[in-house]
Amino acid sequence: MTRTPLAPVPDQPVLLSSELLERLVRVMEALNGDASLRTYSPKEAAVYLGKTENWVTEQIQLGTIPHTRIGKTPRLTAEHIKWVQANGEVLPHQYSPRPFAA
């Protein structure tokens, strides 16, 4: 297999000029926009939560997870998803059996 001068060499850092790096940062910021304004549909949020879209929709209807509505459409922000992850944590009871050492 031959390598072209454009192909990266494994285990060798890629050096970028400061001008190119600044341009890349500007492009990434333009693509990202304001990430704090991003909202997720129940289907998109379900991917992050490891649940089904139906579960997320049911929890929204029951009012057990935080959400916002844009018109009639329920949406979740990144903060809502983080809240669900943090408040779903269950720590073992102090008298629960200890797992066997491997």
PDB file of N, CA and C in Angstrom:
ATOM      1  N   MET A   1       0.841  -1.164   0.000  1.00  0.00           N
ATOM      2  CA  MET A   1       0.000   0.000   0.000  1.00  0.00           C
ATOM      3  C   MET A   1       0.894   1.239   0.000  1.00  0.00           C
ATOM      4  N   THR A   2       0.552   2.172  -0.835  1.00  0.00           N
ATOM      5  CA  THR A   2       1.337   3.410  -0.899  1.00  0.00           C
ATOM      6  C   THR A   2       0.602   4.513  -0.160  1.00  0.00           C
ATOM      7  N   ARG A   3       1.363   5.415   0.369  1.00  0.00           N
ATOM      8  CA  ARG A   3       0.788   6.550   1.090  1.00  0.00           C
ATOM      9  C   ARG A   3       0.954   7.811   0.261  1.00  0.00           C
ATOM     10  N   THR A   4      -0.099   8.578   0.267  1.00  0.00           N
ATOM     11  CA  THR A   4       0.000   9.881  -0.377  1.00  0.00           C
ATOM     12  C   THR A   4       0.467  10.873   0.680  1.00  0.00           C
ATOM     13  N   PRO A   5       0.962  12.000   0.298  1.00  0.00           N
ATOM     14  CA  PRO A   5       1.411  12.977   1.284  1.00  0.00           C
ATOM     15  C   PRO A   5       0.264  13.507   2.145  1.00  0.00           C
ATOM     16  N   LEU A   6      -0.989  13.325   1.710  1.00  0.00           N
ATOM     17  CA  LEU A   6      -2.129  13.827   2.464  1.00  0.00           C
ATOM     18  C   LEU A   6      -2.591  12.840   3.534  1.00  0.00           C
ATOM     19  N   ALA A   7      -2.221  11.578   3.419  1.00  0.00           N
ATOM     20  CA  ALA A   7      -2.665  10.575   4.388  1.00  0.00           C
ATOM     21  C   ALA A   7      -1.907  10.750   5.699  1.00  0.00           C
ATOM     22  N   PRO A   8      -2.627  10.737   6.833  1.00  0.00           N
ATOM     23  CA  PRO A   8      -1.937  10.877   8.119  1.00  0.00           C
ATOM     24  C   PRO A   8      -1.116   9.631   8.442  1.00  0.00           C
ATOM     25  N   VAL A   9      -0.002   9.841   9.060  1.00  0.00           N
ATOM     26  CA  VAL A   9       0.853   8.747   9.482  1.00  0.00           C
ATOM     27  C   VAL A   9       0.403   8.339  10.880  1.00  0.00           C
ATOM     28  N   PRO A  10       0.174   7.046  11.122  1.00  0.00           N
ATOM     29  CA  PRO A  10      -0.283   6.632  12.457  1.00  0.00           C
ATOM     30  C   PRO A  10       0.700   7.055  13.546  1.00  0.00           C
ATOM     31  N   ASP A  11       0.167   7.403  14.700  1.00  0.00           N
ATOM     32  CA  ASP A  11       0.940   7.793  15.888  1.00  0.00           C
ATOM     33  C   ASP A  11       1.816   9.020  15.667  1.00  0.00           C
ATOM     34  N   GLN A  12       1.483   9.830  14.712  1.00  0.00           N
ATOM     35  CA  GLN A  12       2.226  11.064  14.490  1.00  0.00           C
ATOM     36  C   GLN A  12       1.230  12.220  14.593  1.00  0.00           C
ATOM     37  N   PRO A  13       1.489  13.190  15.473  1.00  0.00           N
ATOM     38  CA  PRO A  13       0.538  14.294  15.638  1.00  0.00           C
ATOM     39  C   PRO A  13       0.408  15.115  14.360  1.00  0.00           C
ATOM     40  N   VAL A  14      -0.798  15.617  14.145  1.00  0.00           N
ATOM     41  CA  VAL A  14      -1.053  16.472  13.000  1.00  0.00           C
ATOM     42  C   VAL A  14      -0.837  17.906  13.455  1.00  0.00           C
ATOM     43  N   LEU A  15       0.010  18.624  12.764  1.00  0.00           N
ATOM     44  CA  LEU A  15       0.308  19.999  13.130  1.00  0.00           C
ATOM     45  C   LEU A  15      -0.548  20.947  12.304  1.00  0.00           C
ATOM     46  N   LEU A  16      -1.206  21.876  13.002  1.00  0.00           N
ATOM     47  CA  LEU A  16      -2.047  22.861  12.340  1.00  0.00           C
ATOM     48  C   LEU A  16      -1.493  24.244  12.623  1.00  0.00           C
ATOM     49  N   SER A  17      -1.576  25.091  11.631  1.00  0.00           N
ATOM     50  CA  SER A  17      -1.154  26.472  11.861  1.00  0.00           C
ATOM     51  C   SER A  17      -2.214  27.155  12.718  1.00  0.00           C
ATOM     52  N   SER A  18      -1.841  28.206  13.404  1.00  0.00           N
ATOM     53  CA  SER A  18      -2.792  28.901  14.278  1.00  0.00           C
ATOM     54  C   SER A  18      -3.939  29.490  13.456  1.00  0.00           C
ATOM     55  N   GLU A  19      -3.643  29.932  12.231  1.00  0.00           N
ATOM     56  CA  GLU A  19      -4.690  30.484  11.366  1.00  0.00           C
ATOM     57  C   GLU A  19      -5.716  29.412  11.007  1.00  0.00           C
ATOM     58  N   LEU A  20      -5.233  28.232  10.645  1.00  0.00           N
ATOM     59  CA  LEU A  20      -6.140  27.141  10.295  1.00  0.00           C
ATOM     60  C   LEU A  20      -6.955  26.702  11.509  1.00  0.00           C
ATOM     61  N   LEU A  21      -6.330  26.654  12.656  1.00  0.00           N
ATOM     62  CA  LEU A  21      -7.026  26.270  13.875  1.00  0.00           C
ATOM     63  C   LEU A  21      -8.126  27.273  14.209  1.00  0.00           C
ATOM     64  N   GLU A  22      -7.851  28.551  14.065  1.00  0.00           N
ATOM     65  CA  GLU A  22      -8.866  29.581  14.319  1.00  0.00           C
ATOM     66  C   GLU A  22     -10.031  29.446  13.348  1.00  0.00           C
ATOM     67  N   ARG A  23      -9.729  29.159  12.094  1.00  0.00           N
ATOM     68  CA  ARG A  23     -10.794  28.970  11.101  1.00  0.00           C
ATOM     69  C   ARG A  23     -11.652  27.768  11.454  1.00  0.00           C
ATOM     70  N   LEU A  24     -11.019  26.683  11.894  1.00  0.00           N
ATOM     71  CA  LEU A  24     -11.767  25.488  12.289  1.00  0.00           C
ATOM     72  C   LEU A  24     -12.680  25.778  13.478  1.00  0.00           C
ATOM     73  N   VAL A  25     -12.180  26.530  14.441  1.00  0.00           N
ATOM     74  CA  VAL A  25     -12.989  26.888  15.613  1.00  0.00           C
ATOM     75  C   VAL A  25     -14.194  27.714  15.193  1.00  0.00           C
ATOM     76  N   ARG A  26     -13.994  28.695  14.306  1.00  0.00           N
ATOM     77  CA  ARG A  26     -15.109  29.532  13.845  1.00  0.00           C
ATOM     78  C   ARG A  26     -16.155  28.698  13.117  1.00  0.00           C
ATOM     79  N   VAL A  27     -15.718  27.767  12.296  1.00  0.00           N
ATOM     80  CA  VAL A  27     -16.662  26.919  11.556  1.00  0.00           C
ATOM     81  C   VAL A  27     -17.450  26.035  12.521  1.00  0.00           C
ATOM     82  N   MET A  28     -16.765  25.445  13.493  1.00  0.00           N
ATOM     83  CA  MET A  28     -17.445  24.582  14.461  1.00  0.00           C
ATOM     84  C   MET A  28     -18.451  25.377  15.287  1.00  0.00           C
ATOM     85  N   GLU A  29     -18.105  26.583  15.687  1.00  0.00           N
ATOM     86  CA  GLU A  29     -19.034  27.418  16.444  1.00  0.00           C
ATOM     87  C   GLU A  29     -20.237  27.791  15.598  1.00  0.00           C
ATOM     88  N   ALA A  30     -20.016  28.063  14.323  1.00  0.00           N
ATOM     89  CA  ALA A  30     -21.121  28.404  13.432  1.00  0.00           C
ATOM     90  C   ALA A  30     -22.050  27.215  13.233  1.00  0.00           C
ATOM     91  N   LEU A  31     -21.491  26.015  13.149  1.00  0.00           N
ATOM     92  CA  LEU A  31     -22.316  24.818  12.979  1.00  0.00           C
ATOM     93  C   LEU A  31     -23.094  24.495  14.246  1.00  0.00           C
ATOM     94  N   ASN A  32     -22.470  24.701  15.377  1.00  0.00           N
ATOM     95  CA  ASN A  32     -23.090  24.367  16.644  1.00  0.00           C
ATOM     96  C   ASN A  32     -24.159  25.377  17.029  1.00  0.00           C
ATOM     97  N   GLY A  33     -23.967  26.624  16.692  1.00  0.00           N
ATOM     98  CA  GLY A  33     -24.912  27.656  17.092  1.00  0.00           C
ATOM     99  C   GLY A  33     -24.894  27.803  18.602  1.00  0.00           C
ATOM    100  N   ASP A  34     -26.022  28.095  19.180  1.00  0.00           N
ATOM    101  CA  ASP A  34     -26.124  28.200  20.633  1.00  0.00           C
ATOM    102  C   ASP A  34     -26.648  26.871  21.158  1.00  0.00           C
ATOM    103  N   ALA A  35     -25.760  26.040  21.659  1.00  0.00           N
ATOM    104  CA  ALA A  35     -26.117  24.688  22.098  1.00  0.00           C
ATOM    105  C   ALA A  35     -27.107  24.709  23.254  1.00  0.00           C
ATOM    106  N   SER A  36     -27.114  25.782  24.044  1.00  0.00           N
ATOM    107  CA  SER A  36     -28.041  25.835  25.169  1.00  0.00           C
ATOM    108  C   SER A  36     -29.492  25.992  24.707  1.00  0.00           C
ATOM    109  N   LEU A  37     -29.695  26.396  23.467  1.00  0.00           N
ATOM    110  CA  LEU A  37     -31.046  26.543  22.933  1.00  0.00           C
ATOM    111  C   LEU A  37     -31.549  25.279  22.246  1.00  0.00           C
ATOM    112  N   ARG A  38     -30.710  24.287  22.115  1.00  0.00           N
ATOM    113  CA  ARG A  38     -31.082  23.039  21.434  1.00  0.00           C
ATOM    114  C   ARG A  38     -32.099  22.278  22.268  1.00  0.00           C
ATOM    115  N   THR A  39     -33.162  21.793  21.630  1.00  0.00           N
ATOM    116  CA  THR A  39     -34.133  20.947  22.303  1.00  0.00           C
ATOM    117  C   THR A  39     -34.203  19.610  21.588  1.00  0.00           C
ATOM    118  N   TYR A  40     -34.624  18.586  22.322  1.00  0.00           N
ATOM    119  CA  TYR A  40     -34.665  17.221  21.798  1.00  0.00           C
ATOM    120  C   TYR A  40     -36.089  16.698  21.836  1.00  0.00           C
ATOM    121  N   SER A  41     -36.480  16.009  20.775  1.00  0.00           N
ATOM    122  CA  SER A  41     -37.776  15.355  20.755  1.00  0.00           C
ATOM    123  C   SER A  41     -37.709  14.149  21.688  1.00  0.00           C
ATOM    124  N   PRO A  42     -38.843  13.586  22.089  1.00  0.00           N
ATOM    125  CA  PRO A  42     -38.805  12.383  22.923  1.00  0.00           C
ATOM    126  C   PRO A  42     -37.994  11.249  22.285  1.00  0.00           C
ATOM    127  N   LYS A  43     -38.045  11.135  20.972  1.00  0.00           N
ATOM    128  CA  LYS A  43     -37.275  10.089  20.288  1.00  0.00           C
ATOM    129  C   LYS A  43     -35.776  10.333  20.429  1.00  0.00           C
ATOM    130  N   GLU A  44     -35.340  11.586  20.248  1.00  0.00           N
ATOM    131  CA  GLU A  44     -33.921  11.916  20.381  1.00  0.00           C
ATOM    132  C   GLU A  44     -33.458  11.777  21.830  1.00  0.00           C
ATOM    133  N   ALA A  45     -34.289  12.213  22.774  1.00  0.00           N
ATOM    134  CA  ALA A  45     -33.934  12.118  24.192  1.00  0.00           C
ATOM    135  C   ALA A  45     -33.836  10.656  24.628  1.00  0.00           C
ATOM    136  N   ALA A  46     -34.682   9.806  24.069  1.00  0.00           N
ATOM    137  CA  ALA A  46     -34.671   8.384  24.432  1.00  0.00           C
ATOM    138  C   ALA A  46     -33.327   7.742  24.116  1.00  0.00           C
ATOM    139  N   VAL A  47     -32.686   8.181  23.055  1.00  0.00           N
ATOM    140  CA  VAL A  47     -31.370   7.647  22.693  1.00  0.00           C
ATOM    141  C   VAL A  47     -30.358   7.958  23.789  1.00  0.00           C
ATOM    142  N   TYR A  48     -30.375   9.186  24.295  1.00  0.00           N
ATOM    143  CA  TYR A  48     -29.432   9.581  25.345  1.00  0.00           C
ATOM    144  C   TYR A  48     -29.735   8.894  26.678  1.00  0.00           C
ATOM    145  N   LEU A  49     -31.007   8.614  26.920  1.00  0.00           N
ATOM    146  CA  LEU A  49     -31.405   8.008  28.185  1.00  0.00           C
ATOM    147  C   LEU A  49     -31.361   6.482  28.154  1.00  0.00           C
ATOM    148  N   GLY A  50     -31.208   5.913  26.974  1.00  0.00           N
ATOM    149  CA  GLY A  50     -31.187   4.456  26.871  1.00  0.00           C
ATOM    150  C   GLY A  50     -32.570   3.855  27.092  1.00  0.00           C
ATOM    151  N   LYS A  51     -33.604   4.594  26.781  1.00  0.00           N
ATOM    152  CA  LYS A  51     -34.983   4.142  26.947  1.00  0.00           C
ATOM    153  C   LYS A  51     -35.677   4.212  25.598  1.00  0.00           C
ATOM    154  N   THR A  52     -36.950   3.821  25.573  1.00  0.00           N
ATOM    155  CA  THR A  52     -37.710   3.890  24.328  1.00  0.00           C
ATOM    156  C   THR A  52     -38.403   5.258  24.231  1.00  0.00           C
ATOM    157  N   GLU A  53     -38.771   5.594  23.032  1.00  0.00           N
ATOM    158  CA  GLU A  53     -39.508   6.839  22.820  1.00  0.00           C
ATOM    159  C   GLU A  53     -40.823   6.798  23.595  1.00  0.00           C
ATOM    160  N   ASN A  54     -41.457   5.626  23.628  1.00  0.00           N
ATOM    161  CA  ASN A  54     -42.717   5.462  24.339  1.00  0.00           C
ATOM    162  C   ASN A  54     -42.551   5.750  25.833  1.00  0.00           C
ATOM    163  N   TRP A  55     -41.444   5.278  26.439  1.00  0.00           N
ATOM    164  CA  TRP A  55     -41.202   5.524  27.857  1.00  0.00           C
ATOM    165  C   TRP A  55     -41.072   7.018  28.120  1.00  0.00           C
ATOM    166  N   VAL A  56     -40.295   7.707  27.298  1.00  0.00           N
ATOM    167  CA  VAL A  56     -40.103   9.152  27.481  1.00  0.00           C
ATOM    168  C   VAL A  56     -41.437   9.876  27.346  1.00  0.00           C
ATOM    169  N   THR A  57     -42.230   9.515  26.344  1.00  0.00           N
ATOM    170  CA  THR A  57     -43.524  10.157  26.127  1.00  0.00           C
ATOM    171  C   THR A  57     -44.455   9.923  27.310  1.00  0.00           C
ATOM    172  N   GLU A  58     -44.480   8.687  27.823  1.00  0.00           N
ATOM    173  CA  GLU A  58     -45.331   8.383  28.978  1.00  0.00           C
ATOM    174  C   GLU A  58     -44.907   9.180  30.210  1.00  0.00           C
ATOM    175  N   GLN A  59     -43.603   9.301  30.439  1.00  0.00           N
ATOM    176  CA  GLN A  59     -43.122  10.048  31.604  1.00  0.00           C
ATOM    177  C   GLN A  59     -43.455  11.531  31.479  1.00  0.00           C
ATOM    178  N   ILE A  60     -43.416  12.050  30.267  1.00  0.00           N
ATOM    179  CA  ILE A  60     -43.801  13.446  30.043  1.00  0.00           C
ATOM    180  C   ILE A  60     -45.286  13.619  30.349  1.00  0.00           C
ATOM    181  N   GLN A  61     -46.120  12.685  29.870  1.00  0.00           N
ATOM    182  CA  GLN A  61     -47.561  12.773  30.104  1.00  0.00           C
ATOM    183  C   GLN A  61     -47.901  12.639  31.581  1.00  0.00           C
ATOM    184  N   LEU A  62     -47.145  11.808  32.314  1.00  0.00           N
ATOM    185  CA  LEU A  62     -47.375  11.646  33.755  1.00  0.00           C
ATOM    186  C   LEU A  62     -46.803  12.810  34.561  1.00  0.00           C
ATOM    187  N   GLY A  63     -45.915  13.571  33.950  1.00  0.00           N
ATOM    188  CA  GLY A  63     -45.299  14.703  34.636  1.00  0.00           C
ATOM    189  C   GLY A  63     -44.190  14.299  35.592  1.00  0.00           C
ATOM    190  N   THR A  64     -43.562  13.149  35.343  1.00  0.00           N
ATOM    191  CA  THR A  64     -42.495  12.673  36.236  1.00  0.00           C
ATOM    192  C   THR A  64     -41.111  13.121  35.807  1.00  0.00           C
ATOM    193  N   ILE A  65     -40.980  13.628  34.593  1.00  0.00           N
ATOM    194  CA  ILE A  65     -39.691  14.157  34.160  1.00  0.00           C
ATOM    195  C   ILE A  65     -39.888  15.586  33.660  1.00  0.00           C
ATOM    196  N   PRO A  66     -38.877  16.429  33.831  1.00  0.00           N
ATOM    197  CA  PRO A  66     -39.017  17.818  33.380  1.00  0.00           C
ATOM    198  C   PRO A  66     -39.018  17.894  31.854  1.00  0.00           C
ATOM    199  N   HIS A  67     -39.755  18.822  31.343  1.00  0.00           N
ATOM    200  CA  HIS A  67     -39.814  19.045  29.899  1.00  0.00           C
ATOM    201  C   HIS A  67     -40.357  20.442  29.656  1.00  0.00           C
ATOM    202  N   THR A  68     -40.315  20.839  28.425  1.00  0.00           N
ATOM    203  CA  THR A  68     -40.898  22.118  28.018  1.00  0.00           C
ATOM    204  C   THR A  68     -41.760  21.844  26.798  1.00  0.00           C
ATOM    205  N   ARG A  69     -42.672  22.722  26.535  1.00  0.00           N
ATOM    206  CA  ARG A  69     -43.521  22.568  25.354  1.00  0.00           C
ATOM    207  C   ARG A  69     -43.293  23.745  24.425  1.00  0.00           C
ATOM    208  N   ILE A  70     -43.102  23.426  23.183  1.00  0.00           N
ATOM    209  CA  ILE A  70     -43.015  24.448  22.146  1.00  0.00           C
ATOM    210  C   ILE A  70     -44.281  24.264  21.326  1.00  0.00           C
ATOM    211  N   GLY A  71     -45.236  25.144  21.575  1.00  0.00           N
ATOM    212  CA  GLY A  71     -46.570  24.918  21.035  1.00  0.00           C
ATOM    213  C   GLY A  71     -47.172  23.755  21.806  1.00  0.00           C
ATOM    214  N   LYS A  72     -47.596  22.721  21.106  1.00  0.00           N
ATOM    215  CA  LYS A  72     -48.136  21.529  21.764  1.00  0.00           C
ATOM    216  C   LYS A  72     -47.113  20.398  21.818  1.00  0.00           C
ATOM    217  N   THR A  73     -45.937  20.646  21.267  1.00  0.00           N
ATOM    218  CA  THR A  73     -44.931  19.594  21.152  1.00  0.00           C
ATOM    219  C   THR A  73     -44.028  19.559  22.379  1.00  0.00           C
ATOM    220  N   PRO A  74     -43.957  18.406  23.066  1.00  0.00           N
ATOM    221  CA  PRO A  74     -43.051  18.322  24.214  1.00  0.00           C
ATOM    222  C   PRO A  74     -41.603  18.199  23.744  1.00  0.00           C
ATOM    223  N   ARG A  75     -40.721  18.907  24.415  1.00  0.00           N
ATOM    224  CA  ARG A  75     -39.287  18.879  24.097  1.00  0.00           C
ATOM    225  C   ARG A  75     -38.499  18.800  25.390  1.00  0.00           C
ATOM    226  N   LEU A  76     -37.295  18.256  25.304  1.00  0.00           N
ATOM    227  CA  LEU A  76     -36.389  18.199  26.445  1.00  0.00           C
ATOM    228  C   LEU A  76     -35.105  18.920  26.086  1.00  0.00           C
ATOM    229  N   THR A  77     -34.570  19.660  27.041  1.00  0.00           N
ATOM    230  CA  THR A  77     -33.277  20.304  26.841  1.00  0.00           C
ATOM    231  C   THR A  77     -32.192  19.384  27.391  1.00  0.00           C
ATOM    232  N   ALA A  78     -30.956  19.742  27.176  1.00  0.00           N
ATOM    233  CA  ALA A  78     -29.848  18.948  27.710  1.00  0.00           C
ATOM    234  C   ALA A  78     -29.915  18.926  29.237  1.00  0.00           C
ATOM    235  N   GLU A  79     -30.328  20.023  29.854  1.00  0.00           N
ATOM    236  CA  GLU A  79     -30.463  20.078  31.312  1.00  0.00           C
ATOM    237  C   GLU A  79     -31.543  19.120  31.800  1.00  0.00           C
ATOM    238  N   HIS A  80     -32.652  19.011  31.064  1.00  0.00           N
ATOM    239  CA  HIS A  80     -33.699  18.066  31.439  1.00  0.00           C
ATOM    240  C   HIS A  80     -33.176  16.635  31.392  1.00  0.00           C
ATOM    241  N   ILE A  81     -32.438  16.304  30.347  1.00  0.00           N
ATOM    242  CA  ILE A  81     -31.895  14.951  30.202  1.00  0.00           C
ATOM    243  C   ILE A  81     -30.909  14.654  31.328  1.00  0.00           C
ATOM    244  N   LYS A  82     -30.066  15.633  31.663  1.00  0.00           N
ATOM    245  CA  LYS A  82     -29.118  15.448  32.773  1.00  0.00           C
ATOM    246  C   LYS A  82     -29.856  15.255  34.091  1.00  0.00           C
ATOM    247  N   TRP A  83     -30.967  15.966  34.286  1.00  0.00           N
ATOM    248  CA  TRP A  83     -31.750  15.829  35.502  1.00  0.00           C
ATOM    249  C   TRP A  83     -32.298  14.413  35.620  1.00  0.00           C
ATOM    250  N   VAL A  84     -32.833  13.884  34.535  1.00  0.00           N
ATOM    251  CA  VAL A  84     -33.382  12.522  34.551  1.00  0.00           C
ATOM    252  C   VAL A  84     -32.279  11.523  34.892  1.00  0.00           C
ATOM    253  N   GLN A  85     -31.099  11.701  34.311  1.00  0.00           N
ATOM    254  CA  GLN A  85     -29.982  10.796  34.596  1.00  0.00           C
ATOM    255  C   GLN A  85     -29.559  10.890  36.055  1.00  0.00           C
ATOM    256  N   ALA A  86     -29.478  12.088  36.590  1.00  0.00           N
ATOM    257  CA  ALA A  86     -29.009  12.276  37.966  1.00  0.00           C
ATOM    258  C   ALA A  86     -30.034  11.787  38.986  1.00  0.00           C
ATOM    259  N   ASN A  87     -31.311  12.030  38.737  1.00  0.00           N
ATOM    260  CA  ASN A  87     -32.340  11.659  39.706  1.00  0.00           C
ATOM    261  C   ASN A  87     -32.792  10.219  39.583  1.00  0.00           C
ATOM    262  N   GLY A  88     -32.299   9.520  38.586  1.00  0.00           N
ATOM    263  CA  GLY A  88     -32.618   8.100  38.459  1.00  0.00           C
ATOM    264  C   GLY A  88     -31.621   7.217  39.182  1.00  0.00           C
ATOM    265  N   GLU A  89     -30.583   7.831  39.757  1.00  0.00           N
ATOM    266  CA  GLU A  89     -29.532   7.059  40.413  1.00  0.00           C
ATOM    267  C   GLU A  89     -30.057   6.424  41.696  1.00  0.00           C
ATOM    268  N   VAL A  90     -29.753   5.140  41.871  1.00  0.00           N
ATOM    269  CA  VAL A  90     -30.122   4.425  43.079  1.00  0.00           C
ATOM    270  C   VAL A  90     -28.856   3.834  43.668  1.00  0.00           C
ATOM    271  N   LEU A  91     -28.574   4.200  44.921  1.00  0.00           N
ATOM    272  CA  LEU A  91     -27.395   3.675  45.594  1.00  0.00           C
ATOM    273  C   LEU A  91     -27.785   2.448  46.402  1.00  0.00           C
ATOM    274  N   PRO A  92     -26.902   1.461  46.514  1.00  0.00           N
ATOM    275  CA  PRO A  92     -27.245   0.260  47.265  1.00  0.00           C
ATOM    276  C   PRO A  92     -27.404   0.561  48.758  1.00  0.00           C
ATOM    277  N   HIS A  93     -28.269  -0.198  49.395  1.00  0.00           N
ATOM    278  CA  HIS A  93     -28.484  -0.069  50.833  1.00  0.00           C
ATOM    279  C   HIS A  93     -27.241  -0.560  51.560  1.00  0.00           C
ATOM    280  N   GLN A  94     -26.973  -0.014  52.741  1.00  0.00           N
ATOM    281  CA  GLN A  94     -25.746  -0.382  53.454  1.00  0.00           C
ATOM    282  C   GLN A  94     -25.711  -1.853  53.834  1.00  0.00           C
ATOM    283  N   TYR A  95     -26.885  -2.509  53.942  1.00  0.00           N
ATOM    284  CA  TYR A  95     -26.913  -3.924  54.308  1.00  0.00           C
ATOM    285  C   TYR A  95     -27.092  -4.848  53.103  1.00  0.00           C
ATOM    286  N   SER A  96     -27.013  -4.296  51.908  1.00  0.00           N
ATOM    287  CA  SER A  96     -27.172  -5.143  50.726  1.00  0.00           C
ATOM    288  C   SER A  96     -25.957  -6.060  50.611  1.00  0.00           C
ATOM    289  N   PRO A  97     -26.153  -7.242  50.021  1.00  0.00           N
ATOM    290  CA  PRO A  97     -25.013  -8.169  49.902  1.00  0.00           C
ATOM    291  C   PRO A  97     -23.908  -7.589  49.029  1.00  0.00           C
ATOM    292  N   ARG A  98     -22.706  -7.804  49.443  1.00  0.00           N
ATOM    293  CA  ARG A  98     -21.550  -7.318  48.689  1.00  0.00           C
ATOM    294  C   ARG A  98     -21.304  -8.232  47.487  1.00  0.00           C
ATOM    295  N   PRO A  99     -20.922  -7.672  46.359  1.00  0.00           N
ATOM    296  CA  PRO A  99     -20.597  -8.528  45.220  1.00  0.00           C
ATOM    297  C   PRO A  99     -19.311  -9.307  45.498  1.00  0.00           C
ATOM    298  N   PHE A 100     -19.225 -10.486  44.926  1.00  0.00           N
ATOM    299  CA  PHE A 100     -18.037 -11.302  45.096  1.00  0.00           C
ATOM    300  C   PHE A 100     -16.857 -10.684  44.365  1.00  0.00           C
ATOM    301  N   ALA A 101     -15.682 -10.789  44.935  1.00  0.00           N
ATOM    302  CA  ALA A 101     -14.482 -10.261  44.291  1.00  0.00           C
ATOM    303  C   ALA A 101     -14.137 -11.144  43.091  1.00  0.00           C
ATOM    304  N   ALA A 102     -13.721 -10.527  42.028  1.00  0.00           N
ATOM    305  CA  ALA A 102     -13.401 -11.279  40.812  1.00  0.00           C
ATOM    306  C   ALA A 102     -12.005 -11.830  40.879  1.00  0.00           C
TER     307      ALA A 102
END
